[in-house]
């Protein structure tokens, strides 16, 4: 089942669901995906079963809603400070080669060393897929911001005026809510654009944290159920109506050095991420970047990420924020 959120003519959120390529219909009585997910967590009812029990109303043309700017992120929180955007890196087979090219180091004699990126990737290969019920090696982890940084499908990704780069990262994100007792519940999976500053990251690996504090977008539809083991999608950049760059990307555990369960364990093992009522959007990493192919994005470019299992493609234009003077005043 694929679910999404749109705004109707009265600016009211409508939850929409469909099965595969079937017609999308409004879910009766649903105020939001968040409220449905929390109800499912509280009652012990599967989300798809809860939606089926509510029943369906009018048919919705999702493509038209998307084109008209009525598509919302597939989950939000009434208080954006309680939605967390986070992610992991070096989790996909082939991702180390991309990262290593950005962080190549030489020893005093000029011979190549094994970089920290390659060490982390090797650790994942050796210990990222533990037996069921066991914890494997920790992945790379980063923080992107709270719900104020989440951008709806179709809306612009804003690159800070001080940024050195504005690059896409096509990824799968897990969507979670935290139950009243602190138990994490997985709502489903979506496409995501883990928007980053790769030039800043390349200056020094310790700048990774700075490079990740950016907008991110996810959706437009959320896949309820298991993550397909072998996901095949396409990431592209459109400029002036044409395709500037296009490349396939792979995801799913068949193409990863970590299991999803291992990534989830190492995120939610921290009590700060198990606060009742919170929402988490946790991105699983990628091996495909236009930056690695020498692409320099510009304002007005459109990022498009698609994979058949996730319904409509995720599209976002790029905008550059105006410089802002930041002053700290003493009280």
Protein backbone atom coordinates (compact mmCIF):
# COMPACT_ATOMS: atom_id res chain seq x y z
CA UNK A 1 0.00 0.00 0.00
CA UNK A 2 1.14 3.53 -0.85
CA UNK A 3 -0.09 6.44 1.26
CA UNK A 4 0.38 10.18 0.86
CA UNK A 5 -0.93 13.53 2.08
CA UNK A 6 -2.44 16.36 0.06
CA UNK A 7 -4.09 19.69 0.86
CA UNK A 8 -7.63 20.19 -0.38
CA UNK A 9 -9.21 23.48 -1.42
CA UNK A 10 -9.89 24.35 2.20
CA UNK A 11 -6.25 23.79 3.18
CA UNK A 12 -7.23 20.65 5.08
CA UNK A 13 -4.93 17.63 5.08
CA UNK A 14 -6.33 14.59 3.30
CA UNK A 15 -4.71 11.18 3.62
CA UNK A 16 -4.73 9.27 0.33
CA UNK A 17 -4.03 5.57 -0.19
CA UNK A 18 -3.71 3.23 -3.15
CA UNK A 19 -2.55 -0.28 -3.88
CA UNK A 20 0.17 -0.47 -6.52
CA UNK A 21 -0.91 1.36 -9.64
CA UNK A 22 -4.56 1.43 -8.57
CA UNK A 23 -6.68 4.50 -8.05
CA UNK A 24 -5.80 6.78 -5.14
CA UNK A 25 -8.66 7.43 -2.73
CA UNK A 26 -9.12 9.54 0.38
CA UNK A 27 -8.98 7.59 3.65
CA UNK A 28 -12.18 8.23 5.60
CA UNK A 29 -11.81 10.06 8.91
CA UNK A 30 -8.01 10.36 8.74
CA UNK A 31 -6.71 13.74 9.94
CA UNK A 32 -3.10 12.94 8.98
CA UNK A 33 -0.69 10.05 8.46
CA UNK A 34 0.80 10.95 11.85
CA UNK A 35 -2.54 10.55 13.64
CA UNK A 36 -3.17 7.24 11.86
CA UNK A 37 0.29 5.95 12.77
CA UNK A 38 -0.11 6.89 16.43
CA UNK A 39 -3.54 5.25 16.52
CA UNK A 40 -2.07 2.10 15.01
CA UNK A 41 0.71 2.13 17.62
CA UNK A 42 -1.75 2.62 20.50
CA UNK A 43 -4.20 -0.06 19.38
CA UNK A 44 -1.73 -2.64 18.11
CA UNK A 45 -3.42 -2.56 14.71
CA UNK A 46 -1.38 -2.77 11.53
CA UNK A 47 -1.41 0.53 9.64
CA UNK A 48 -2.70 -0.98 6.39
CA UNK A 49 -5.41 -2.83 8.30
CA UNK A 50 -6.41 0.36 10.10
CA UNK A 51 -6.69 2.20 6.80
CA UNK A 52 -8.78 -0.59 5.29
CA UNK A 53 -11.04 -0.54 8.35
CA UNK A 54 -11.60 3.22 8.00
CA UNK A 55 -12.62 2.77 4.38
CA UNK A 56 -12.22 5.03 1.38
CA UNK A 57 -13.94 8.05 -0.07
CA UNK A 58 -13.48 10.08 -3.20
CA UNK A 59 -10.89 9.32 -5.87
CA UNK A 60 -7.90 11.69 -6.12
CA UNK A 61 -5.73 12.45 -9.14
CA UNK A 62 -2.34 12.52 -7.44
CA UNK A 63 -0.47 13.71 -10.53
CA UNK A 64 -2.74 16.75 -10.76
CA UNK A 65 -2.42 17.47 -7.04
CA UNK A 66 1.36 17.23 -7.37
CA UNK A 67 1.41 19.56 -10.35
CA UNK A 68 -0.79 22.10 -8.50
CA UNK A 69 1.53 22.14 -5.47
CA UNK A 70 -0.94 20.39 -3.18
CA UNK A 71 1.31 17.45 -2.31
CA UNK A 72 2.67 17.40 1.24
CA UNK A 73 5.39 15.30 2.81
CA UNK A 74 3.88 11.86 3.52
CA UNK A 75 4.20 12.45 7.26
CA UNK A 76 4.67 15.51 9.44
CA UNK A 77 4.36 16.41 13.11
CA UNK A 78 2.09 19.10 14.58
CA UNK A 79 5.25 20.56 16.17
CA UNK A 80 8.13 20.47 13.63
CA UNK A 81 10.68 20.40 16.47
CA UNK A 82 9.52 16.85 17.18
CA UNK A 83 10.39 15.53 13.72
CA UNK A 84 14.01 14.40 13.37
CA UNK A 85 15.91 14.20 10.07
CA UNK A 86 18.91 11.86 10.33
CA UNK A 87 20.84 9.45 8.18
CA UNK A 88 23.63 6.96 7.67
CA UNK A 89 26.40 6.80 5.10
CA UNK A 90 28.75 4.23 3.58
CA UNK A 91 25.99 1.63 3.77
CA UNK A 92 25.71 0.72 0.09
CA UNK A 93 27.94 -1.51 -2.02
CA UNK A 94 29.97 0.86 -4.17
CA UNK A 95 29.44 3.88 -1.95
CA UNK A 96 32.97 3.75 -0.59
CA UNK A 97 34.49 4.36 -4.02
CA UNK A 98 32.53 7.59 -4.37
CA UNK A 99 33.40 8.78 -0.87
CA UNK A 100 37.02 7.67 -1.11
CA UNK A 101 37.52 9.76 -4.23
CA UNK A 102 36.44 12.75 -2.16
CA UNK A 103 38.70 11.96 0.81
CA UNK A 104 41.90 10.52 -0.68
CA UNK A 105 44.88 10.78 1.66
CA UNK A 106 48.61 10.18 1.09
CA UNK A 107 51.26 9.25 3.62
CA UNK A 108 54.58 11.06 3.99
CA UNK A 109 56.10 9.00 1.18
CA UNK A 110 53.19 9.70 -1.12
CA UNK A 111 51.72 6.18 -1.00
CA UNK A 112 47.95 5.81 -0.73
CA UNK A 113 46.60 4.85 2.68
CA UNK A 114 43.31 3.30 3.58
CA UNK A 115 41.07 6.29 4.31
CA UNK A 116 38.67 6.53 7.23
CA UNK A 117 35.85 6.16 4.72
CA UNK A 118 37.27 2.91 3.38
CA UNK A 119 37.83 1.62 6.92
CA UNK A 120 34.20 2.39 7.82
CA UNK A 121 32.96 0.74 4.63
CA UNK A 122 35.05 -2.38 5.31
CA UNK A 123 33.66 -2.54 8.85
CA UNK A 124 30.16 -2.57 7.38
CA UNK A 125 31.04 -5.33 4.93
CA UNK A 126 32.43 -7.44 7.75
CA UNK A 127 29.86 -6.72 10.46
CA UNK A 128 26.89 -4.79 9.07
CA UNK A 129 24.63 -7.82 8.58
CA UNK A 130 24.53 -9.65 11.91
CA UNK A 131 22.28 -12.60 12.70
CA UNK A 132 18.68 -11.74 13.48
CA UNK A 133 18.32 -10.31 16.99
CA UNK A 134 21.98 -9.34 17.26
CA UNK A 135 23.64 -5.93 16.88
CA UNK A 136 26.23 -5.47 14.18
CA UNK A 137 28.88 -2.81 13.66
CA UNK A 138 27.84 0.84 13.96
CA UNK A 139 27.34 2.73 10.70
CA UNK A 140 28.35 6.29 9.99
CA UNK A 141 25.56 8.52 11.39
CA UNK A 142 24.65 12.18 10.89
CA UNK A 143 22.02 14.73 11.85
CA UNK A 144 20.28 16.93 9.28
CA UNK A 145 17.86 18.93 11.38
CA UNK A 146 14.27 18.90 12.58
CA UNK A 147 10.96 19.27 10.78
CA UNK A 148 11.68 22.89 9.88
CA UNK A 149 14.25 21.51 7.41
CA UNK A 150 11.82 19.09 5.74
CA UNK A 151 10.70 20.22 2.28
CA UNK A 152 7.52 18.93 0.66
CA UNK A 153 7.73 17.18 -2.71
CA UNK A 154 7.64 19.80 -5.45
CA UNK A 155 8.86 22.59 -3.18
CA UNK A 156 12.34 24.12 -3.47
CA UNK A 157 15.37 22.76 -1.66
CA UNK A 158 17.12 25.85 -0.30
CA UNK A 159 20.90 25.87 -0.34
CA UNK A 160 22.46 28.31 2.16
CA UNK A 161 24.16 31.37 0.65
CA UNK A 162 27.43 30.27 2.30
CA UNK A 163 27.32 26.74 0.84
CA UNK A 164 30.04 25.60 -1.54
CA UNK A 165 27.85 22.99 -3.25
CA UNK A 166 24.22 21.91 -3.51
CA UNK A 167 24.05 18.25 -4.44
CA UNK A 168 21.40 15.55 -4.39
CA UNK A 169 21.65 12.14 -2.73
CA UNK A 170 18.96 9.65 -3.83
CA UNK A 171 18.10 7.44 -0.88
CA UNK A 172 15.45 5.35 0.80
CA UNK A 173 14.24 6.69 4.15
CA UNK A 174 12.58 4.80 6.97
CA UNK A 175 9.67 6.63 8.61
CA UNK A 176 9.01 6.03 12.31
CA UNK A 177 6.81 7.20 15.18
CA UNK A 178 7.55 6.66 18.86
CA UNK A 179 4.76 5.10 20.87
CA UNK A 180 3.52 6.31 24.23
CA UNK A 181 5.80 3.83 26.02
CA UNK A 182 8.92 4.80 24.03
CA UNK A 183 8.68 1.95 21.52
CA UNK A 184 9.74 2.88 17.95
CA UNK A 185 7.23 1.85 15.28
CA UNK A 186 8.13 1.76 11.59
CA UNK A 187 5.42 3.43 9.50
CA UNK A 188 7.01 2.59 6.16
CA UNK A 189 9.59 3.69 3.61
CA UNK A 190 9.87 6.56 1.13
CA UNK A 191 12.15 7.98 -1.49
CA UNK A 192 14.29 10.81 -0.14
CA UNK A 193 16.74 13.43 -1.33
CA UNK A 194 19.43 13.74 1.32
CA UNK A 195 20.60 17.12 0.06
CA UNK A 196 24.25 17.86 0.98
CA UNK A 197 27.28 20.12 0.43
CA UNK A 198 29.90 17.77 -1.00
CA UNK A 199 32.56 20.44 -1.58
CA UNK A 200 32.55 21.36 2.10
CA UNK A 201 32.67 17.69 3.08
CA UNK A 202 35.66 17.14 0.79
CA UNK A 203 37.72 19.86 2.51
CA UNK A 204 37.99 17.68 5.60
CA UNK A 205 36.02 14.65 6.74
CA UNK A 206 35.39 16.42 10.06
CA UNK A 207 33.27 18.92 8.08
CA UNK A 208 30.75 16.16 7.38
CA UNK A 209 28.45 17.49 10.10
CA UNK A 210 28.44 20.96 8.53
CA UNK A 211 27.78 19.55 5.07
CA UNK A 212 24.65 17.69 6.22
CA UNK A 213 22.82 20.57 7.97
CA UNK A 214 20.61 21.21 4.98
CA UNK A 215 17.06 20.78 3.75
CA UNK A 216 15.88 17.32 2.83
CA UNK A 217 12.81 16.11 0.98
CA UNK A 218 11.04 12.77 1.12
CA UNK A 219 8.01 11.18 -0.49
CA UNK A 220 5.70 11.91 -2.16
CA UNK A 221 4.29 8.46 -1.35
CA UNK A 222 5.06 6.21 1.59
CA UNK A 223 5.32 2.45 1.11
CA UNK A 224 3.60 0.55 3.93
CA UNK A 225 5.07 -2.92 4.39
CA UNK A 226 8.44 -4.56 3.89
CA UNK A 227 11.28 -2.87 2.04
CA UNK A 228 12.00 -4.64 -1.27
CA UNK A 229 15.39 -6.37 -1.15
CA UNK A 230 16.47 -5.09 -4.58
CA UNK A 231 15.41 -1.52 -5.41
CA UNK A 232 16.31 -0.09 -8.79
CA UNK A 233 15.69 3.56 -9.42
CA UNK A 234 16.88 6.56 -11.38
CA UNK A 235 18.28 9.87 -10.21
CA UNK A 236 18.38 12.79 -12.64
CA UNK A 237 18.92 16.53 -12.81
CA UNK A 238 16.80 18.59 -15.18
CA UNK A 239 17.96 21.98 -16.46
CA UNK A 240 16.06 24.31 -18.77
CA UNK A 241 13.62 21.57 -19.69
CA UNK A 242 16.27 18.98 -20.59
CA UNK A 243 18.15 16.24 -18.76
CA UNK A 244 21.54 17.49 -17.57
CA UNK A 245 22.53 14.26 -15.80
CA UNK A 246 20.95 10.87 -15.21
CA UNK A 247 22.11 7.70 -13.52
CA UNK A 248 20.56 4.55 -12.05
CA UNK A 249 20.79 3.92 -8.32
CA UNK A 250 20.41 0.73 -6.32
CA UNK A 251 19.13 0.24 -2.79
CA UNK A 252 17.54 -2.43 -0.64
CA UNK A 253 19.47 -4.93 1.47
CA UNK A 254 20.68 -6.87 -1.59
CA UNK A 255 22.70 -3.78 -2.48
CA UNK A 256 23.71 -2.74 1.04
CA UNK A 257 26.49 -3.63 3.47
CA UNK A 258 24.12 -3.21 6.45
CA UNK A 259 20.69 -4.60 7.23
CA UNK A 260 17.89 -2.13 7.85
CA UNK A 261 17.48 -3.68 11.30
CA UNK A 262 21.10 -2.89 12.13
CA UNK A 263 20.73 0.73 11.00
CA UNK A 264 17.55 1.04 13.06
CA UNK A 265 19.18 -0.47 16.15
CA UNK A 266 22.08 1.97 16.12
CA UNK A 267 19.74 4.93 15.76
CA UNK A 268 17.12 4.04 18.32
CA UNK A 269 19.55 2.69 20.92
CA UNK A 270 19.86 6.31 22.05
CA UNK A 271 17.10 7.22 24.51
CA UNK A 272 16.87 10.75 23.10
CA UNK A 273 15.42 9.17 19.94
CA UNK A 274 12.74 7.26 21.84
CA UNK A 275 10.68 10.18 23.09
CA UNK A 276 6.92 9.43 22.95
CA UNK A 277 5.12 11.03 20.03
CA UNK A 278 8.19 11.99 18.03
CA UNK A 279 8.60 11.32 14.29
CA UNK A 280 11.86 10.13 12.73
CA UNK A 281 12.88 10.25 9.08
CA UNK A 282 16.06 8.18 8.87
CA UNK A 283 17.87 8.02 5.52
CA UNK A 284 19.77 4.84 4.65
CA UNK A 285 22.52 6.12 2.32
CA UNK A 286 23.39 5.97 -1.36
CA UNK A 287 26.15 5.08 -3.81
CA UNK A 288 25.10 7.50 -6.56
CA UNK A 289 25.98 11.21 -6.67
CA UNK A 290 26.05 13.64 -9.59
CA UNK A 291 28.88 15.42 -7.77
CA UNK A 292 31.08 12.36 -8.24
CA UNK A 293 30.62 12.82 -12.01
CA UNK A 294 31.73 16.45 -11.89
CA UNK A 295 28.26 18.02 -12.04
CA UNK A 296 27.83 21.51 -10.57
CA UNK A 297 24.20 22.30 -9.87
CA UNK A 298 22.64 25.74 -10.35
CA UNK A 299 19.58 27.57 -9.09
CA UNK A 300 16.60 26.45 -11.14
CA UNK A 301 17.83 22.88 -11.63
CA UNK A 302 15.25 20.22 -10.73
CA UNK A 303 16.21 17.03 -8.87
CA UNK A 304 14.10 13.99 -9.75
CA UNK A 305 14.35 10.64 -7.99
CA UNK A 306 12.16 7.69 -8.92
CA UNK A 307 11.81 3.99 -8.23
CA UNK A 308 8.81 1.93 -9.29
CA UNK A 309 8.10 0.50 -5.83
CA UNK A 310 7.50 3.97 -4.39
CA UNK A 311 4.92 5.43 -6.74
CA UNK A 312 5.32 9.00 -7.93
CA UNK A 313 8.84 10.43 -8.34
CA UNK A 314 10.29 12.88 -5.84
CA UNK A 315 10.91 16.24 -7.53
CA UNK A 316 12.39 19.41 -6.05
CA UNK A 317 13.81 22.53 -7.71
CA UNK A 318 16.98 24.09 -6.34
CA UNK A 319 17.03 27.59 -4.89
CA UNK A 320 19.89 29.53 -3.29
CA UNK A 321 19.03 31.40 -0.11
CA UNK A 322 19.81 35.07 0.18
CA UNK A 323 22.69 35.92 2.54
CA UNK A 324 21.55 36.54 6.09
CA UNK A 325 23.46 38.54 8.65
CA UNK A 326 23.73 36.60 11.89
CA UNK A 327 24.36 38.60 15.04
CA UNK A 328 24.58 37.27 18.58
CA UNK A 329 23.47 39.73 21.23
CA UNK A 330 24.25 39.55 24.90
CA UNK A 331 21.29 39.68 27.29
